[in-house]
N, C-alpha and C. Protein backbone atom coordinates (compact mmCIF):
# COMPACT_ATOMS: atom_id res chain seq x y z
N MET A 1 113.71 162.92 58.72
CA MET A 1 114.14 163.40 60.08
C MET A 1 115.47 162.50 60.36
N GLN A 2 116.31 162.81 60.82
CA GLN A 2 117.43 162.80 61.71
C GLN A 2 116.95 161.69 62.96
N ARG A 3 117.70 160.71 63.19
CA ARG A 3 117.68 159.81 64.48
C ARG A 3 117.06 160.87 65.50
N ALA A 4 118.30 161.59 65.68
CA ALA A 4 118.23 162.37 67.18
C ALA A 4 117.15 163.25 67.31
N GLU A 5 116.68 163.88 66.38
CA GLU A 5 115.24 164.34 66.12
C GLU A 5 114.06 163.41 66.52
N VAL A 6 114.22 162.34 65.79
CA VAL A 6 112.80 161.23 66.03
C VAL A 6 112.93 160.92 67.81
N LEU A 7 114.27 160.67 68.25
CA LEU A 7 114.54 160.20 69.39
C LEU A 7 113.77 161.75 70.67
N LYS A 8 114.40 162.90 70.24
CA LYS A 8 113.77 163.79 70.67
C LYS A 8 112.20 163.87 70.83
N ARG A 9 111.64 163.54 69.82
CA ARG A 9 109.83 163.79 69.34
C ARG A 9 109.34 162.75 70.26
N LEU A 10 110.29 161.47 70.28
CA LEU A 10 109.58 160.24 71.06
C LEU A 10 109.48 160.64 72.64
N ILE A 11 110.73 161.01 72.48
CA ILE A 11 110.74 161.35 74.86
C ILE A 11 109.68 162.47 74.77
N GLU A 12 109.72 163.50 73.78
CA GLU A 12 108.77 164.72 74.25
C GLU A 12 107.44 163.78 74.28
N GLU A 13 106.80 162.72 73.72
CA GLU A 13 105.77 162.47 73.43
C GLU A 13 105.48 161.70 74.85
N THR A 14 106.39 161.14 75.47
CA THR A 14 106.61 159.92 77.13
C THR A 14 105.81 161.15 77.90
N GLY A 15 105.88 162.48 77.65
CA GLY A 15 105.62 163.60 78.93
C GLY A 15 106.65 163.75 79.51
N LEU A 16 107.60 162.95 79.86
CA LEU A 16 108.70 163.11 80.33
C LEU A 16 109.88 164.37 80.17
N ASN A 17 110.45 165.22 80.91
CA ASN A 17 111.54 165.81 80.63
C ASN A 17 112.73 164.83 80.09
N THR A 18 113.74 165.63 79.73
CA THR A 18 115.05 165.05 79.25
C THR A 18 115.44 164.25 80.52
N LYS A 19 115.72 165.12 81.81
CA LYS A 19 116.17 164.40 83.17
C LYS A 19 115.59 163.62 83.54
N ALA A 20 113.96 163.63 83.69
CA ALA A 20 113.41 161.95 83.96
C ALA A 20 113.51 161.13 82.94
N PHE A 21 113.08 161.23 81.86
CA PHE A 21 113.50 160.33 81.04
C PHE A 21 115.09 159.69 81.26
N SER A 22 116.32 160.47 81.15
CA SER A 22 117.33 159.91 81.40
C SER A 22 117.45 159.02 82.26
N GLU A 23 116.86 159.32 83.65
CA GLU A 23 116.42 158.39 84.59
C GLU A 23 116.14 157.46 84.28
N LYS A 24 114.91 157.35 83.91
CA LYS A 24 113.95 156.01 83.60
C LYS A 24 115.21 155.14 82.67
N ALA A 25 115.85 155.95 81.48
CA ALA A 25 116.42 154.91 81.00
C ALA A 25 117.59 154.43 81.37
N GLY A 26 118.28 154.89 82.60
CA GLY A 26 119.46 154.39 83.11
C GLY A 26 120.55 155.13 82.73
N ILE A 27 120.65 156.20 81.89
CA ILE A 27 122.14 156.84 81.87
C ILE A 27 122.01 158.39 82.16
N PRO A 28 122.99 159.06 82.23
CA PRO A 28 123.38 160.11 82.49
C PRO A 28 122.48 161.22 81.95
N TYR A 29 122.05 162.03 82.11
CA TYR A 29 121.32 163.36 81.59
C TYR A 29 122.12 163.78 80.56
N THR A 30 123.60 164.06 81.26
CA THR A 30 124.54 164.53 80.08
C THR A 30 124.80 163.92 79.17
N THR A 31 124.25 162.64 79.18
CA THR A 31 124.73 161.75 77.81
C THR A 31 123.54 161.55 77.07
N LEU A 32 122.21 161.93 77.68
CA LEU A 32 121.16 161.77 76.63
C LEU A 32 121.19 162.85 76.06
N ARG A 33 121.57 164.09 76.80
CA ARG A 33 121.30 165.63 76.22
C ARG A 33 122.73 165.73 75.01
N SER A 34 123.50 164.86 75.01
CA SER A 34 124.40 164.66 74.21
C SER A 34 124.00 163.94 73.05
N ILE A 35 123.47 162.98 73.16
CA ILE A 35 122.65 162.29 72.14
C ILE A 35 121.90 163.10 71.32
N LEU A 36 121.22 163.65 71.73
CA LEU A 36 119.97 164.84 71.09
C LEU A 36 120.63 165.82 70.24
N MET A 37 121.66 166.45 71.01
CA MET A 37 122.22 167.57 70.41
C MET A 37 123.15 167.66 69.09
N ARG A 38 124.02 166.22 69.73
CA ARG A 38 125.02 165.93 68.50
C ARG A 38 124.62 164.89 67.53
N GLY A 39 123.37 163.94 68.13
CA GLY A 39 123.59 162.70 66.98
C GLY A 39 123.65 161.56 67.91
N VAL A 40 123.19 160.59 67.05
CA VAL A 40 123.16 159.29 67.79
C VAL A 40 124.60 158.52 67.19
N GLY A 41 124.81 159.24 66.22
CA GLY A 41 126.28 158.52 65.43
C GLY A 41 127.37 158.03 66.25
N GLY A 42 127.56 159.07 67.32
CA GLY A 42 128.90 159.32 68.19
C GLY A 42 128.40 158.45 69.58
N ALA A 43 127.22 158.16 69.66
CA ALA A 43 126.73 157.59 70.89
C ALA A 43 127.20 156.10 71.04
N SER A 44 127.27 155.60 72.38
CA SER A 44 127.70 154.01 72.53
C SER A 44 126.57 153.20 72.19
N VAL A 45 126.77 152.24 71.54
CA VAL A 45 125.54 151.50 71.12
C VAL A 45 124.73 151.09 72.13
N ASP A 46 125.30 151.02 73.94
CA ASP A 46 124.57 150.33 74.86
C ASP A 46 123.92 151.80 75.05
N ASN A 47 123.84 152.91 75.00
CA ASN A 47 123.07 154.00 75.65
C ASN A 47 122.20 154.02 74.65
N VAL A 48 122.00 153.79 73.23
CA VAL A 48 121.25 154.05 72.17
C VAL A 48 120.01 152.93 72.56
N LEU A 49 120.66 151.77 72.56
CA LEU A 49 119.66 150.93 73.19
C LEU A 49 118.91 150.88 74.31
N LYS A 50 119.80 151.52 75.27
CA LYS A 50 118.64 151.82 76.43
C LYS A 50 117.95 153.01 76.04
N VAL A 51 117.96 153.89 75.39
CA VAL A 51 117.11 154.85 74.98
C VAL A 51 115.70 154.11 74.14
N CYS A 52 116.27 153.38 73.02
CA CYS A 52 115.40 152.69 72.37
C CYS A 52 114.22 151.74 73.09
N ARG A 53 115.04 151.24 74.00
CA ARG A 53 113.80 149.89 74.82
C ARG A 53 113.37 151.23 75.69
N THR A 54 113.76 152.03 76.36
CA THR A 54 112.79 153.08 77.07
C THR A 54 111.79 153.46 76.65
N LEU A 55 111.97 153.77 74.87
CA LEU A 55 110.66 154.00 74.02
C LEU A 55 109.92 153.04 73.93
N GLY A 56 110.40 152.03 73.88
CA GLY A 56 109.69 150.71 73.19
C GLY A 56 109.84 150.49 71.91
N ILE A 57 110.84 151.10 71.27
CA ILE A 57 111.26 150.83 69.84
C ILE A 57 112.75 149.96 69.43
N THR A 58 112.57 149.34 68.67
CA THR A 58 114.20 148.77 68.04
C THR A 58 114.76 150.35 67.51
N THR A 59 116.14 149.78 67.34
CA THR A 59 117.10 150.49 66.69
C THR A 59 116.53 150.67 65.21
N GLU A 60 115.97 149.72 64.55
CA GLU A 60 115.55 149.17 63.12
C GLU A 60 114.31 150.52 62.88
N GLU A 61 113.48 150.59 64.17
CA GLU A 61 112.19 151.45 64.20
C GLU A 61 112.77 152.73 64.12
N MET A 62 113.74 153.09 65.06
CA MET A 62 114.07 154.28 65.07
C MET A 62 114.54 155.08 63.58
N ASP A 63 115.60 153.94 63.08
CA ASP A 63 116.16 154.44 61.57
C ASP A 63 115.24 154.50 60.66
N ARG A 64 113.86 153.38 60.91
CA ARG A 64 112.72 153.78 59.74
C ARG A 64 112.01 154.92 59.85
N LEU A 65 111.72 155.45 60.94
CA LEU A 65 110.90 156.49 61.28
C LEU A 65 111.87 157.95 60.82
N ALA A 66 113.29 158.05 61.18
CA ALA A 66 114.19 159.06 60.69
C ALA A 66 114.53 158.85 59.03
N TYR A 67 114.63 157.71 58.32
CA TYR A 67 114.68 157.64 57.24
C TYR A 67 113.93 156.97 55.98
N GLY A 68 112.88 156.33 56.70
CA GLY A 68 112.09 155.70 55.71
C GLY A 68 110.49 156.14 55.93
N GLY A 69 109.95 155.58 54.89
CA GLY A 69 108.29 156.20 55.14
C GLY A 69 108.17 157.32 55.28
N THR A 70 106.88 157.77 55.29
CA THR A 70 106.35 159.39 55.36
C THR A 70 105.89 159.69 56.64
N GLU A 71 105.96 161.08 56.77
CA GLU A 71 105.72 161.62 58.13
C GLU A 71 104.23 161.14 58.71
N ASP A 72 103.40 161.02 57.73
CA ASP A 72 102.07 160.36 58.21
C ASP A 72 102.44 158.99 58.80
N SER A 73 103.05 158.47 58.23
CA SER A 73 103.15 156.54 58.64
C SER A 73 103.94 156.98 60.14
N SER A 74 104.88 157.76 60.36
CA SER A 74 105.55 157.85 61.41
C SER A 74 104.72 158.53 62.61
N SER A 75 103.73 159.32 62.32
CA SER A 75 102.76 159.74 63.09
C SER A 75 101.84 158.87 63.64
N SER A 76 101.14 157.85 62.81
CA SER A 76 100.40 157.07 63.11
C SER A 76 101.03 156.14 64.26
N SER A 77 102.54 155.48 63.63
CA SER A 77 102.87 154.46 64.57
C SER A 77 103.48 155.01 66.21
N LEU A 78 103.77 156.32 66.42
CA LEU A 78 103.94 157.46 67.58
C LEU A 78 102.84 157.63 68.00
N SER A 79 101.46 157.78 67.29
CA SER A 79 100.31 157.83 68.17
C SER A 79 99.86 156.51 69.10
N GLU A 80 100.01 155.73 67.75
CA GLU A 80 99.60 154.00 68.50
C GLU A 80 100.75 153.75 69.67
N LEU A 81 101.83 153.90 69.43
CA LEU A 81 102.60 153.72 70.91
C LEU A 81 102.52 154.13 71.92
N SER A 82 102.26 155.63 71.83
CA SER A 82 101.22 156.44 73.12
C SER A 82 100.10 155.67 73.71
N GLU A 83 99.04 155.43 72.59
CA GLU A 83 98.12 154.62 73.06
C GLU A 83 98.33 153.33 73.40
N PHE A 84 99.20 152.60 72.96
CA PHE A 84 99.66 151.33 73.97
C PHE A 84 100.37 151.81 75.37
N GLU A 85 101.01 152.79 75.40
CA GLU A 85 101.65 153.01 76.60
C GLU A 85 100.45 153.56 77.66
N ALA A 86 99.67 154.20 77.03
CA ALA A 86 98.35 154.43 77.97
C ALA A 86 97.61 153.05 78.34
N PHE A 87 97.52 152.24 77.51
CA PHE A 87 97.16 150.71 77.72
C PHE A 87 97.97 150.30 78.94
N LEU A 88 99.16 150.11 78.96
CA LEU A 88 100.03 149.49 79.69
C LEU A 88 99.63 150.14 81.36
N ASN A 89 99.66 151.31 81.34
CA ASN A 89 99.32 151.89 82.46
C ASN A 89 97.98 151.93 83.41
N ASN A 90 97.22 151.27 82.21
CA ASN A 90 95.56 150.81 83.11
C ASN A 90 96.05 149.55 84.07
N PRO A 91 95.82 149.71 85.10
CA PRO A 91 96.08 148.46 86.07
C PRO A 91 95.61 147.52 85.86
N GLU A 92 94.36 147.57 84.94
CA GLU A 92 93.38 146.10 84.46
C GLU A 92 94.39 145.16 83.41
N HIS A 93 94.97 145.90 82.57
CA HIS A 93 96.10 145.64 81.51
C HIS A 93 97.42 145.57 81.61
N GLY A 94 98.02 146.28 83.17
CA GLY A 94 99.41 146.63 82.77
C GLY A 94 100.22 145.10 83.41
N LEU A 95 99.23 144.30 83.89
CA LEU A 95 99.95 143.14 84.58
C LEU A 95 100.47 141.93 83.35
N PHE A 96 99.45 141.80 82.37
CA PHE A 96 100.27 141.02 81.46
C PHE A 96 101.35 141.80 80.56
N PHE A 97 101.23 143.07 80.57
CA PHE A 97 102.59 143.72 79.81
C PHE A 97 103.27 144.28 80.87
N LYS A 98 103.55 144.07 81.90
CA LYS A 98 104.46 144.73 82.88
C LYS A 98 105.95 144.78 82.32
N ASP A 99 106.33 143.77 81.80
CA ASP A 99 107.74 143.45 81.35
C ASP A 99 108.26 144.04 79.87
N TYR A 100 107.11 144.68 79.38
CA TYR A 100 107.06 145.06 78.20
C TYR A 100 108.51 145.82 78.01
N LEU A 101 108.97 146.71 78.76
CA LEU A 101 110.03 147.70 78.53
C LEU A 101 111.61 146.80 78.51
N ASP A 102 111.49 145.49 79.03
CA ASP A 102 112.53 144.80 79.20
C ASP A 102 112.53 143.45 78.54
N ALA A 103 111.69 143.56 77.67
CA ALA A 103 111.67 142.15 76.62
C ALA A 103 112.33 142.28 75.57
N PRO A 104 112.82 141.35 75.24
CA PRO A 104 113.45 140.93 73.91
C PRO A 104 112.38 141.55 72.80
N ASP A 105 112.96 142.40 71.50
CA ASP A 105 112.24 142.62 70.53
C ASP A 105 111.09 141.55 70.30
N GLU A 106 111.56 140.39 69.55
CA GLU A 106 110.37 139.37 69.54
C GLU A 106 109.19 139.36 70.04
N ARG A 107 109.55 139.30 71.59
CA ARG A 107 108.76 139.35 72.64
C ARG A 107 107.66 140.93 72.54
N LYS A 108 108.34 141.80 72.26
CA LYS A 108 107.57 143.13 72.05
C LYS A 108 106.67 143.28 71.13
N ARG A 109 106.97 142.38 69.96
CA ARG A 109 106.32 142.18 68.81
C ARG A 109 105.29 141.68 68.82
N GLU A 110 105.19 140.57 69.84
CA GLU A 110 104.17 139.58 70.40
C GLU A 110 103.15 140.62 71.13
N MET A 111 103.58 141.06 72.14
CA MET A 111 102.91 142.09 72.93
C MET A 111 102.35 142.79 72.30
N LEU A 112 102.90 143.73 71.24
CA LEU A 112 102.05 144.59 70.33
C LEU A 112 100.88 143.83 69.73
N THR A 113 101.17 142.55 68.87
CA THR A 113 100.06 142.16 68.44
C THR A 113 98.97 142.10 69.04
N PHE A 114 99.22 141.27 70.00
CA PHE A 114 98.43 141.16 71.26
C PHE A 114 97.58 141.99 71.69
N TRP A 115 98.13 143.54 72.00
CA TRP A 115 97.29 144.18 72.18
C TRP A 115 96.45 144.90 71.06
N GLN A 116 96.95 144.92 69.99
CA GLN A 116 96.40 145.43 68.38
C GLN A 116 94.86 144.19 68.53
N PHE A 117 95.21 143.30 68.87
CA PHE A 117 93.82 142.08 68.90
C PHE A 117 93.17 142.95 69.79
N ILE A 118 93.16 142.99 71.13
CA ILE A 118 92.55 143.38 72.04
C ILE A 118 91.77 144.57 71.94
N LYS A 119 92.52 145.66 71.24
CA LYS A 119 92.22 146.97 70.93
C LYS A 119 90.96 146.71 69.65
N ASP A 120 91.29 145.82 68.94
CA ASP A 120 90.17 145.30 67.35
C ASP A 120 88.73 144.90 68.15
N GLN A 121 88.96 143.82 69.06
CA GLN A 121 88.21 143.17 69.59
C GLN A 121 87.05 144.42 70.55
N GLU A 122 87.86 145.29 71.14
CA GLU A 122 87.28 146.22 71.93
C GLU A 122 86.24 147.25 71.23
N LYS A 123 87.05 147.81 70.00
CA LYS A 123 86.40 148.76 68.97
C LYS A 123 85.08 147.72 68.40
N LYS A 124 85.00 146.44 68.04
CA LYS A 124 84.13 145.87 67.30
C LYS A 124 82.79 145.65 68.39
N LYS A 125 83.07 145.19 70.15
CA LYS A 125 82.50 145.22 70.73
C LYS A 125 81.49 146.85 71.13
N ALA A 126 82.05 148.00 70.88
CA ALA A 126 81.93 149.34 71.17
C ALA A 126 80.95 149.42 69.65
N ASP A 127 81.30 149.28 68.64
CA ASP A 127 81.00 149.49 67.64
C ASP A 127 79.15 148.57 67.67
N SER A 128 79.44 147.18 67.83
CA SER A 128 78.34 146.43 67.95
C SER A 128 76.88 147.35 69.01
N SER A 129 77.50 147.44 69.89
CA SER A 129 76.51 148.22 71.11
C SER A 129 76.07 149.54 70.88
N ASP A 130 76.71 150.07 69.68
CA ASP A 130 76.49 151.62 68.90
C ASP A 130 75.38 151.07 68.55
N THR A 131 75.16 149.86 67.44
CA THR A 131 73.99 149.55 66.35
C THR A 131 72.78 149.09 66.89
N LYS A 132 72.90 148.87 68.14
CA LYS A 132 71.98 148.15 68.99
C LYS A 132 71.05 149.17 69.55
């Protein structure tokens, strides 16, 4: 899958239309539309970074989704990102993760690791209450 197709799919998964997403990313609608129609290669680095940051992915992850791995691994990471976004939107959790979109990549990875830990703990708690 090409990079522009990956971005288009991820943007669709946010539930925002292209115009709303462009506003959230801080780039003109026509620029985003051009990236999605003509490809990422001709876009400015700044605009690609803004799109990726808004999606919560790195440019390396975009490339991996486009050129590496299987469709199944892409789908699981995409659904995990969607689940993480839903987690962030919960007022009980959002405070800790409020700066996620603006965080450097290393900090984002730390936050995702912490979120995975929380998710695993909640699953263990739910599993143990189901067996009682």
